[in-house]
Amino acid sequence: MKIVERFNRLLRSDVHGMLEQLEERSLLLKQHLREAEMELARKRAEAEALEEEERRLGEELARSEEAVRTLDADVELALAQGEDDLARFAVRRLLPHRKAAEELARRAGEVKEARQRLGERLEEQSRDFGELRERVRVRLAAAREERERTTPELSEVGVANEEVDFEILRRRSAGGAREEIA
């Protein structure tokens, strides 16, 4: 009898241990999935920031190029009229604007390239995340099925006829002992 009780206790403890392991794995899977989703959101925000910077640099570049065109026209006009002093004045103003426009164009190109690289990585990671989410969903469903399959229900625990007979004898003898005390 003690052996059967010990065996039942051992069986229950093994089932509980397996359930705890499955639950821990499920929690880890869910946590990794949340972290991947947060990383994707961070990269999307970074891509939006790069897009905004690219737009801003484009506007600045357009203004700078317009200033270069205007000053270049002023230099041409002054030279055509023989006004060398005015031409030098316009050139002094033109050169810094031209350098600024070149720097803005270089910076805008870098930002555009960085945004494109990030966009490609983001697209690839979004696909990977979708696949990961599906794999996690399948794993969690399998773990749930395994947990349901391995969790013994009370009706499934086998009870031998002899165990039932011993329980009845115990209760009868306990009842008889109570009657003697009274």
N, C-alpha and C. Protein backbone atom coordinates (compact mmCIF):
# COMPACT_ATOMS: atom_id res chain seq x y z
N MET A 1 0.82 -1.18 0.00
CA MET A 1 0.00 0.00 0.00
C MET A 1 0.87 1.25 0.00
N LYS A 2 1.87 1.29 0.84
CA LYS A 2 2.76 2.43 0.89
C LYS A 2 3.47 2.61 -0.45
N ILE A 3 3.77 1.51 -1.09
CA ILE A 3 4.45 1.58 -2.39
C ILE A 3 3.54 2.27 -3.41
N VAL A 4 2.28 1.96 -3.41
CA VAL A 4 1.33 2.57 -4.35
C VAL A 4 1.22 4.06 -4.08
N GLU A 5 1.12 4.44 -2.81
CA GLU A 5 1.04 5.86 -2.47
C GLU A 5 2.31 6.59 -2.92
N ARG A 6 3.46 5.98 -2.63
CA ARG A 6 4.72 6.59 -3.04
C ARG A 6 4.81 6.71 -4.55
N PHE A 7 4.36 5.68 -5.25
CA PHE A 7 4.37 5.72 -6.71
C PHE A 7 3.46 6.84 -7.23
N ASN A 8 2.27 6.95 -6.65
CA ASN A 8 1.34 8.02 -7.05
C ASN A 8 1.96 9.39 -6.77
N ARG A 9 2.57 9.56 -5.61
CA ARG A 9 3.21 10.82 -5.26
C ARG A 9 4.35 11.14 -6.24
N LEU A 10 5.13 10.12 -6.56
CA LEU A 10 6.23 10.30 -7.51
C LEU A 10 5.70 10.69 -8.89
N LEU A 11 4.65 10.03 -9.32
CA LEU A 11 4.03 10.33 -10.61
C LEU A 11 3.54 11.78 -10.64
N ARG A 12 2.85 12.22 -9.58
CA ARG A 12 2.35 13.59 -9.51
C ARG A 12 3.49 14.59 -9.50
N SER A 13 4.56 14.31 -8.77
CA SER A 13 5.68 15.27 -8.71
C SER A 13 6.37 15.36 -10.07
N ASP A 14 6.51 14.22 -10.77
CA ASP A 14 7.10 14.27 -12.12
C ASP A 14 6.23 15.09 -13.06
N VAL A 15 4.94 14.92 -12.99
CA VAL A 15 4.02 15.67 -13.85
C VAL A 15 4.12 17.16 -13.52
N HIS A 16 4.17 17.50 -12.23
CA HIS A 16 4.30 18.91 -11.86
C HIS A 16 5.62 19.49 -12.34
N GLY A 17 6.68 18.72 -12.24
CA GLY A 17 7.98 19.20 -12.72
C GLY A 17 7.97 19.43 -14.22
N MET A 18 7.36 18.51 -14.95
CA MET A 18 7.27 18.68 -16.41
C MET A 18 6.43 19.91 -16.75
N LEU A 19 5.35 20.12 -16.04
CA LEU A 19 4.50 21.29 -16.29
C LEU A 19 5.27 22.58 -16.01
N GLU A 20 6.03 22.62 -14.93
CA GLU A 20 6.82 23.81 -14.62
C GLU A 20 7.83 24.10 -15.72
N GLN A 21 8.49 23.05 -16.21
CA GLN A 21 9.44 23.25 -17.31
C GLN A 21 8.74 23.79 -18.55
N LEU A 22 7.59 23.23 -18.89
CA LEU A 22 6.85 23.71 -20.06
C LEU A 22 6.43 25.16 -19.86
N GLU A 23 5.96 25.49 -18.67
CA GLU A 23 5.53 26.86 -18.41
C GLU A 23 6.71 27.83 -18.49
N GLU A 24 7.87 27.43 -17.96
CA GLU A 24 9.05 28.30 -18.04
C GLU A 24 9.45 28.53 -19.50
N ARG A 25 9.44 27.49 -20.29
CA ARG A 25 9.78 27.64 -21.71
C ARG A 25 8.78 28.55 -22.41
N SER A 26 7.52 28.39 -22.07
CA SER A 26 6.49 29.24 -22.68
C SER A 26 6.70 30.69 -22.30
N LEU A 27 7.03 30.93 -21.05
CA LEU A 27 7.28 32.31 -20.61
C LEU A 27 8.50 32.89 -21.33
N LEU A 28 9.53 32.09 -21.48
CA LEU A 28 10.73 32.55 -22.18
C LEU A 28 10.41 32.86 -23.64
N LEU A 29 9.65 32.00 -24.28
CA LEU A 29 9.27 32.24 -25.67
C LEU A 29 8.49 33.54 -25.81
N LYS A 30 7.54 33.74 -24.91
CA LYS A 30 6.74 34.97 -24.95
C LYS A 30 7.61 36.20 -24.71
N GLN A 31 8.55 36.09 -23.77
CA GLN A 31 9.44 37.22 -23.48
C GLN A 31 10.32 37.54 -24.68
N HIS A 32 10.87 36.54 -25.32
CA HIS A 32 11.70 36.77 -26.51
C HIS A 32 10.88 37.39 -27.63
N LEU A 33 9.67 36.96 -27.77
CA LEU A 33 8.79 37.52 -28.80
C LEU A 33 8.51 38.99 -28.52
N ARG A 34 8.25 39.33 -27.25
CA ARG A 34 8.02 40.74 -26.89
C ARG A 34 9.26 41.58 -27.16
N GLU A 35 10.43 41.06 -26.83
CA GLU A 35 11.68 41.80 -27.07
C GLU A 35 11.91 42.03 -28.56
N ALA A 36 11.64 41.02 -29.36
CA ALA A 36 11.79 41.17 -30.81
C ALA A 36 10.83 42.22 -31.34
N GLU A 37 9.61 42.23 -30.83
CA GLU A 37 8.61 43.21 -31.27
C GLU A 37 9.04 44.62 -30.86
N MET A 38 9.59 44.77 -29.67
CA MET A 38 10.06 46.08 -29.21
C MET A 38 11.23 46.57 -30.07
N GLU A 39 12.11 45.67 -30.44
CA GLU A 39 13.25 46.03 -31.30
C GLU A 39 12.77 46.49 -32.66
N LEU A 40 11.78 45.80 -33.20
CA LEU A 40 11.20 46.22 -34.48
C LEU A 40 10.58 47.61 -34.37
N ALA A 41 9.88 47.86 -33.30
CA ALA A 41 9.26 49.18 -33.10
C ALA A 41 10.34 50.26 -32.99
N ARG A 42 11.44 49.95 -32.30
CA ARG A 42 12.53 50.91 -32.18
C ARG A 42 13.14 51.22 -33.55
N LYS A 43 13.32 50.19 -34.36
CA LYS A 43 13.89 50.39 -35.69
C LYS A 43 12.93 51.15 -36.59
N ARG A 44 11.64 50.91 -36.45
CA ARG A 44 10.66 51.68 -37.24
C ARG A 44 10.72 53.15 -36.88
N ALA A 45 10.85 53.44 -35.59
CA ALA A 45 10.95 54.83 -35.14
C ALA A 45 12.24 55.46 -35.67
N GLU A 46 13.31 54.69 -35.68
CA GLU A 46 14.58 55.19 -36.21
C GLU A 46 14.45 55.48 -37.71
N ALA A 47 13.76 54.61 -38.43
CA ALA A 47 13.55 54.81 -39.87
C ALA A 47 12.72 56.07 -40.12
N GLU A 48 11.70 56.28 -39.30
CA GLU A 48 10.89 57.49 -39.43
C GLU A 48 11.72 58.74 -39.15
N ALA A 49 12.61 58.68 -38.16
CA ALA A 49 13.47 59.82 -37.84
C ALA A 49 14.42 60.11 -39.00
N LEU A 50 14.97 59.06 -39.60
CA LEU A 50 15.86 59.25 -40.76
C LEU A 50 15.09 59.84 -41.94
N GLU A 51 13.88 59.39 -42.13
CA GLU A 51 13.05 59.92 -43.21
C GLU A 51 12.77 61.41 -42.99
N GLU A 52 12.48 61.77 -41.77
CA GLU A 52 12.23 63.18 -41.44
C GLU A 52 13.49 64.03 -41.64
N GLU A 53 14.63 63.48 -41.24
CA GLU A 53 15.89 64.21 -41.42
C GLU A 53 16.21 64.37 -42.91
N GLU A 54 15.94 63.33 -43.68
CA GLU A 54 16.17 63.40 -45.12
C GLU A 54 15.28 64.49 -45.75
N ARG A 55 14.05 64.56 -45.32
CA ARG A 55 13.13 65.58 -45.83
C ARG A 55 13.63 66.99 -45.46
N ARG A 56 14.04 67.15 -44.20
CA ARG A 56 14.53 68.45 -43.73
C ARG A 56 15.79 68.87 -44.49
N LEU A 57 16.72 67.94 -44.67
CA LEU A 57 17.94 68.25 -45.41
C LEU A 57 17.63 68.60 -46.86
N GLY A 58 16.66 67.93 -47.46
CA GLY A 58 16.26 68.25 -48.83
C GLY A 58 15.73 69.68 -48.94
N GLU A 59 14.94 70.08 -47.96
CA GLU A 59 14.42 71.46 -47.97
C GLU A 59 15.55 72.48 -47.82
N GLU A 60 16.47 72.19 -46.89
CA GLU A 60 17.62 73.09 -46.69
C GLU A 60 18.48 73.16 -47.94
N LEU A 61 18.68 72.03 -48.58
CA LEU A 61 19.49 71.97 -49.79
C LEU A 61 18.83 72.80 -50.90
N ALA A 62 17.53 72.68 -51.03
CA ALA A 62 16.81 73.44 -52.05
C ALA A 62 16.98 74.95 -51.81
N ARG A 63 16.86 75.37 -50.56
CA ARG A 63 17.05 76.80 -50.25
C ARG A 63 18.48 77.24 -50.53
N SER A 64 19.43 76.40 -50.18
CA SER A 64 20.84 76.74 -50.39
C SER A 64 21.17 76.80 -51.88
N GLU A 65 20.65 75.86 -52.66
CA GLU A 65 20.89 75.87 -54.11
C GLU A 65 20.26 77.10 -54.76
N GLU A 66 19.11 77.52 -54.26
CA GLU A 66 18.47 78.73 -54.79
C GLU A 66 19.33 79.95 -54.49
N ALA A 67 19.91 80.00 -53.29
CA ALA A 67 20.80 81.12 -52.93
C ALA A 67 22.04 81.10 -53.83
N VAL A 68 22.58 79.93 -54.13
CA VAL A 68 23.75 79.82 -55.02
C VAL A 68 23.39 80.32 -56.41
N ARG A 69 22.23 79.91 -56.91
CA ARG A 69 21.81 80.37 -58.24
C ARG A 69 21.66 81.90 -58.28
N THR A 70 21.05 82.46 -57.26
CA THR A 70 20.85 83.91 -57.20
C THR A 70 22.19 84.64 -57.15
N LEU A 71 23.09 84.19 -56.29
CA LEU A 71 24.40 84.85 -56.18
C LEU A 71 25.23 84.66 -57.45
N ASP A 72 25.12 83.50 -58.07
CA ASP A 72 25.83 83.25 -59.32
C ASP A 72 25.34 84.21 -60.41
N ALA A 73 24.02 84.43 -60.44
CA ALA A 73 23.46 85.38 -61.40
C ALA A 73 23.95 86.80 -61.10
N ASP A 74 24.09 87.14 -59.82
CA ASP A 74 24.60 88.47 -59.43
C ASP A 74 26.05 88.64 -59.90
N VAL A 75 26.86 87.58 -59.75
CA VAL A 75 28.26 87.65 -60.20
C VAL A 75 28.29 87.87 -61.71
N GLU A 76 27.50 87.12 -62.45
CA GLU A 76 27.46 87.25 -63.91
C GLU A 76 27.02 88.66 -64.32
N LEU A 77 26.02 89.20 -63.65
CA LEU A 77 25.52 90.53 -63.96
C LEU A 77 26.59 91.59 -63.69
N ALA A 78 27.27 91.47 -62.54
CA ALA A 78 28.31 92.45 -62.19
C ALA A 78 29.46 92.38 -63.17
N LEU A 79 29.86 91.16 -63.57
CA LEU A 79 30.95 91.03 -64.53
C LEU A 79 30.54 91.59 -65.90
N ALA A 80 29.30 91.34 -66.28
CA ALA A 80 28.81 91.83 -67.57
C ALA A 80 28.78 93.36 -67.60
N GLN A 81 28.55 93.99 -66.46
CA GLN A 81 28.49 95.45 -66.38
C GLN A 81 29.86 96.07 -66.06
N GLY A 82 30.86 95.22 -65.89
CA GLY A 82 32.20 95.71 -65.61
C GLY A 82 32.37 96.17 -64.17
N GLU A 83 31.53 95.73 -63.28
CA GLU A 83 31.61 96.10 -61.86
C GLU A 83 32.37 95.01 -61.10
N ASP A 84 33.70 95.09 -61.15
CA ASP A 84 34.54 94.06 -60.51
C ASP A 84 34.36 94.05 -58.99
N ASP A 85 34.20 95.22 -58.37
CA ASP A 85 34.02 95.26 -56.91
C ASP A 85 32.73 94.55 -56.51
N LEU A 86 31.67 94.81 -57.24
CA LEU A 86 30.40 94.13 -56.94
C LEU A 86 30.51 92.62 -57.22
N ALA A 87 31.24 92.26 -58.25
CA ALA A 87 31.43 90.84 -58.58
C ALA A 87 32.19 90.15 -57.44
N ARG A 88 33.28 90.80 -56.92
CA ARG A 88 34.03 90.21 -55.79
C ARG A 88 33.11 90.06 -54.56
N PHE A 89 32.30 91.09 -54.31
CA PHE A 89 31.36 91.03 -53.18
C PHE A 89 30.42 89.83 -53.33
N ALA A 90 29.87 89.64 -54.50
CA ALA A 90 28.94 88.54 -54.75
C ALA A 90 29.65 87.18 -54.65
N VAL A 91 30.91 87.12 -55.13
CA VAL A 91 31.68 85.87 -55.05
C VAL A 91 31.96 85.51 -53.59
N ARG A 92 32.29 86.53 -52.76
CA ARG A 92 32.54 86.27 -51.33
C ARG A 92 31.28 85.69 -50.66
N ARG A 93 30.14 86.10 -51.06
CA ARG A 93 28.89 85.57 -50.51
C ARG A 93 28.55 84.21 -51.15
N LEU A 94 28.93 84.03 -52.42
CA LEU A 94 28.61 82.81 -53.16
C LEU A 94 29.36 81.60 -52.64
N LEU A 95 30.65 81.74 -52.40
CA LEU A 95 31.49 80.58 -52.03
C LEU A 95 31.02 79.87 -50.75
N PRO A 96 30.70 80.56 -49.66
CA PRO A 96 30.21 79.83 -48.47
C PRO A 96 28.87 79.11 -48.73
N HIS A 97 28.00 79.75 -49.53
CA HIS A 97 26.72 79.10 -49.85
C HIS A 97 26.94 77.84 -50.70
N ARG A 98 27.91 77.91 -51.62
CA ARG A 98 28.21 76.76 -52.45
C ARG A 98 28.76 75.62 -51.60
N LYS A 99 29.68 75.93 -50.65
CA LYS A 99 30.23 74.90 -49.76
C LYS A 99 29.13 74.31 -48.88
N ALA A 100 28.24 75.17 -48.39
CA ALA A 100 27.13 74.68 -47.55
C ALA A 100 26.23 73.75 -48.35
N ALA A 101 25.95 74.12 -49.60
CA ALA A 101 25.09 73.29 -50.45
C ALA A 101 25.75 71.93 -50.71
N GLU A 102 27.07 71.93 -50.96
CA GLU A 102 27.78 70.67 -51.17
C GLU A 102 27.73 69.79 -49.92
N GLU A 103 27.91 70.42 -48.74
CA GLU A 103 27.87 69.67 -47.48
C GLU A 103 26.46 69.13 -47.23
N LEU A 104 25.44 69.92 -47.49
CA LEU A 104 24.06 69.46 -47.33
C LEU A 104 23.75 68.30 -48.29
N ALA A 105 24.23 68.40 -49.52
CA ALA A 105 24.00 67.32 -50.49
C ALA A 105 24.69 66.04 -50.04
N ARG A 106 25.92 66.17 -49.53
CA ARG A 106 26.66 65.00 -49.03
C ARG A 106 25.92 64.37 -47.85
N ARG A 107 25.50 65.21 -46.91
CA ARG A 107 24.80 64.72 -45.73
C ARG A 107 23.45 64.08 -46.11
N ALA A 108 22.73 64.70 -47.03
CA ALA A 108 21.45 64.15 -47.48
C ALA A 108 21.66 62.78 -48.13
N GLY A 109 22.73 62.64 -48.89
CA GLY A 109 23.04 61.34 -49.51
C GLY A 109 23.34 60.28 -48.46
N GLU A 110 24.08 60.64 -47.43
CA GLU A 110 24.39 59.69 -46.36
C GLU A 110 23.12 59.25 -45.63
N VAL A 111 22.27 60.22 -45.33
CA VAL A 111 21.03 59.89 -44.61
C VAL A 111 20.14 59.01 -45.49
N LYS A 112 20.07 59.31 -46.77
CA LYS A 112 19.24 58.50 -47.67
C LYS A 112 19.76 57.07 -47.73
N GLU A 113 21.07 56.93 -47.83
CA GLU A 113 21.67 55.59 -47.88
C GLU A 113 21.43 54.84 -46.57
N ALA A 114 21.59 55.53 -45.44
CA ALA A 114 21.35 54.89 -44.14
C ALA A 114 19.89 54.47 -44.01
N ARG A 115 18.99 55.32 -44.46
CA ARG A 115 17.56 55.00 -44.39
C ARG A 115 17.23 53.79 -45.27
N GLN A 116 17.83 53.71 -46.45
CA GLN A 116 17.58 52.57 -47.34
C GLN A 116 18.12 51.28 -46.73
N ARG A 117 19.33 51.34 -46.16
CA ARG A 117 19.89 50.14 -45.52
C ARG A 117 19.01 49.70 -44.35
N LEU A 118 18.60 50.67 -43.53
CA LEU A 118 17.74 50.35 -42.40
C LEU A 118 16.40 49.80 -42.88
N GLY A 119 15.86 50.37 -43.95
CA GLY A 119 14.60 49.88 -44.50
C GLY A 119 14.70 48.44 -44.96
N GLU A 120 15.81 48.10 -45.59
CA GLU A 120 16.01 46.71 -46.04
C GLU A 120 16.11 45.76 -44.84
N ARG A 121 16.90 46.17 -43.82
CA ARG A 121 17.02 45.33 -42.62
C ARG A 121 15.68 45.21 -41.92
N LEU A 122 14.96 46.31 -41.86
CA LEU A 122 13.66 46.31 -41.19
C LEU A 122 12.67 45.40 -41.91
N GLU A 123 12.69 45.44 -43.22
CA GLU A 123 11.80 44.57 -44.01
C GLU A 123 12.14 43.10 -43.76
N GLU A 124 13.43 42.79 -43.77
CA GLU A 124 13.87 41.42 -43.54
C GLU A 124 13.51 40.97 -42.12
N GLN A 125 13.75 41.83 -41.14
CA GLN A 125 13.45 41.46 -39.76
C GLN A 125 11.95 41.38 -39.52
N SER A 126 11.18 42.17 -40.23
CA SER A 126 9.72 42.06 -40.10
C SER A 126 9.24 40.70 -40.60
N ARG A 127 9.81 40.26 -41.72
CA ARG A 127 9.47 38.92 -42.23
C ARG A 127 9.88 37.86 -41.22
N ASP A 128 11.11 37.99 -40.70
CA ASP A 128 11.60 37.02 -39.71
C ASP A 128 10.72 37.03 -38.46
N PHE A 129 10.29 38.22 -38.05
CA PHE A 129 9.44 38.33 -36.87
C PHE A 129 8.11 37.62 -37.10
N GLY A 130 7.54 37.78 -38.29
CA GLY A 130 6.30 37.08 -38.61
C GLY A 130 6.47 35.58 -38.52
N GLU A 131 7.59 35.08 -39.05
CA GLU A 131 7.86 33.65 -38.96
C GLU A 131 8.08 33.22 -37.51
N LEU A 132 8.81 34.05 -36.75
CA LEU A 132 9.06 33.74 -35.34
C LEU A 132 7.75 33.70 -34.56
N ARG A 133 6.89 34.68 -34.80
CA ARG A 133 5.60 34.72 -34.11
C ARG A 133 4.80 33.46 -34.40
N GLU A 134 4.83 33.01 -35.65
CA GLU A 134 4.09 31.80 -36.02
C GLU A 134 4.70 30.58 -35.33
N ARG A 135 6.03 30.50 -35.32
CA ARG A 135 6.68 29.35 -34.66
C ARG A 135 6.37 29.34 -33.16
N VAL A 136 6.39 30.52 -32.53
CA VAL A 136 6.08 30.59 -31.10
C VAL A 136 4.63 30.17 -30.86
N ARG A 137 3.73 30.63 -31.72
CA ARG A 137 2.33 30.26 -31.57
C ARG A 137 2.17 28.74 -31.64
N VAL A 138 2.85 28.12 -32.60
CA VAL A 138 2.79 26.66 -32.76
C VAL A 138 3.39 25.97 -31.54
N ARG A 139 4.54 26.49 -31.06
CA ARG A 139 5.19 25.89 -29.89
C ARG A 139 4.31 25.98 -28.65
N LEU A 140 3.69 27.16 -28.46
CA LEU A 140 2.84 27.34 -27.28
C LEU A 140 1.62 26.42 -27.36
N ALA A 141 1.07 26.26 -28.56
CA ALA A 141 -0.07 25.36 -28.72
C ALA A 141 0.37 23.92 -28.43
N ALA A 142 1.55 23.56 -28.92
CA ALA A 142 2.05 22.20 -28.66
C ALA A 142 2.31 22.00 -27.17
N ALA A 143 2.84 23.01 -26.51
CA ALA A 143 3.10 22.91 -25.07
C ALA A 143 1.79 22.78 -24.31
N ARG A 144 0.79 23.53 -24.74
CA ARG A 144 -0.52 23.45 -24.09
C ARG A 144 -1.11 22.05 -24.27
N GLU A 145 -1.00 21.52 -25.49
CA GLU A 145 -1.51 20.17 -25.75
C GLU A 145 -0.75 19.14 -24.92
N GLU A 146 0.57 19.31 -24.83
CA GLU A 146 1.40 18.39 -24.04
C GLU A 146 1.01 18.46 -22.57
N ARG A 147 0.79 19.66 -22.09
CA ARG A 147 0.40 19.85 -20.69
C ARG A 147 -0.96 19.18 -20.44
N GLU A 148 -1.88 19.36 -21.35
CA GLU A 148 -3.20 18.75 -21.19
C GLU A 148 -3.12 17.23 -21.30
N ARG A 149 -2.22 16.76 -22.16
CA ARG A 149 -2.08 15.33 -22.35
C ARG A 149 -1.40 14.67 -21.16
N THR A 150 -0.41 15.34 -20.56
CA THR A 150 0.36 14.73 -19.47
C THR A 150 -0.23 14.98 -18.10
N THR A 151 -1.17 15.89 -17.99
CA THR A 151 -1.79 16.15 -16.69
C THR A 151 -2.81 15.06 -16.42
N PRO A 152 -2.54 14.24 -15.42
CA PRO A 152 -3.50 13.17 -15.16
C PRO A 152 -4.75 13.74 -14.48
N GLU A 153 -5.88 13.33 -14.95
CA GLU A 153 -7.12 13.73 -14.32
C GLU A 153 -7.43 12.71 -13.24
N LEU A 154 -8.22 13.13 -12.30
CA LEU A 154 -8.53 12.23 -11.19
C LEU A 154 -9.18 10.94 -11.66
N SER A 155 -9.97 11.03 -12.69
CA SER A 155 -10.65 9.83 -13.19
C SER A 155 -9.66 8.89 -13.87
N GLU A 156 -8.52 9.44 -14.31
CA GLU A 156 -7.54 8.60 -15.01
C GLU A 156 -6.64 7.85 -14.04
N VAL A 157 -6.52 8.32 -12.79
CA VAL A 157 -5.64 7.66 -11.84
C VAL A 157 -6.25 6.31 -11.50
N GLY A 158 -5.50 5.27 -11.77
CA GLY A 158 -6.02 3.91 -11.55
C GLY A 158 -6.09 3.57 -10.08
N VAL A 159 -7.19 2.99 -9.69
CA VAL A 159 -7.38 2.54 -8.31
C VAL A 159 -7.72 1.06 -8.37
N ALA A 160 -6.91 0.31 -7.72
CA ALA A 160 -7.13 -1.14 -7.71
C ALA A 160 -8.31 -1.48 -6.80
N ASN A 161 -8.97 -2.58 -7.11
CA ASN A 161 -10.10 -3.05 -6.30
C ASN A 161 -9.67 -3.29 -4.85
N GLU A 162 -8.46 -3.79 -4.67
CA GLU A 162 -7.95 -4.06 -3.33
C GLU A 162 -7.83 -2.75 -2.53
N GLU A 163 -7.44 -1.66 -3.21
CA GLU A 163 -7.33 -0.38 -2.52
C GLU A 163 -8.70 0.07 -2.02
N VAL A 164 -9.71 -0.12 -2.84
CA VAL A 164 -11.07 0.23 -2.44
C VAL A 164 -11.49 -0.61 -1.23
N ASP A 165 -11.18 -1.91 -1.28
CA ASP A 165 -11.54 -2.80 -0.17
C ASP A 165 -10.83 -2.37 1.12
N PHE A 166 -9.55 -2.02 1.03
CA PHE A 166 -8.82 -1.58 2.22
C PHE A 166 -9.40 -0.28 2.77
N GLU A 167 -9.80 0.63 1.92
CA GLU A 167 -10.39 1.89 2.38
C GLU A 167 -11.69 1.63 3.12
N ILE A 168 -12.50 0.72 2.61
CA ILE A 168 -13.76 0.39 3.28
C ILE A 168 -13.49 -0.25 4.64
N LEU A 169 -12.49 -1.15 4.70
CA LEU A 169 -12.13 -1.78 5.98
C LEU A 169 -11.63 -0.74 6.98
N ARG A 170 -10.82 0.19 6.52
CA ARG A 170 -10.31 1.24 7.40
C ARG A 170 -11.46 2.06 7.98
N ARG A 171 -12.39 2.44 7.14
CA ARG A 171 -13.52 3.25 7.60
C ARG A 171 -14.41 2.46 8.57
N ARG A 172 -14.60 1.18 8.28
CA ARG A 172 -15.40 0.36 9.19
C ARG A 172 -14.73 0.24 10.55
N SER A 173 -13.41 0.03 10.49
CA SER A 173 -12.70 -0.12 11.77
C SER A 173 -12.63 1.22 12.51
N ALA A 174 -12.52 2.31 11.78
CA ALA A 174 -12.52 3.62 12.42
C ALA A 174 -13.91 3.91 12.99
N GLY A 175 -14.95 3.49 12.30
CA GLY A 175 -16.33 3.67 12.78
C GLY A 175 -16.56 2.81 14.01
N GLY A 176 -16.03 1.61 14.03
CA GLY A 176 -16.18 0.73 15.17
C GLY A 176 -15.42 1.28 16.37
N ALA A 177 -14.28 1.90 16.14
CA ALA A 177 -13.51 2.48 17.22
C ALA A 177 -14.27 3.66 17.80
N ARG A 178 -14.96 4.40 16.99
CA ARG A 178 -15.73 5.54 17.44
C ARG A 178 -16.90 5.08 18.29
N GLU A 179 -17.53 3.96 17.84
CA GLU A 179 -18.67 3.43 18.60
C GLU A 179 -18.22 2.96 19.98
N GLU A 180 -17.01 2.37 20.10
CA GLU A 180 -16.52 1.90 21.39
C GLU A 180 -16.25 3.08 22.31
N ILE A 181 -15.75 4.21 21.78
CA ILE A 181 -15.43 5.38 22.58
C ILE A 181 -16.72 5.99 23.11
N ALA A 182 -17.74 6.01 22.31
CA ALA A 182 -19.01 6.63 22.71
C ALA A 182 -19.69 5.76 23.68
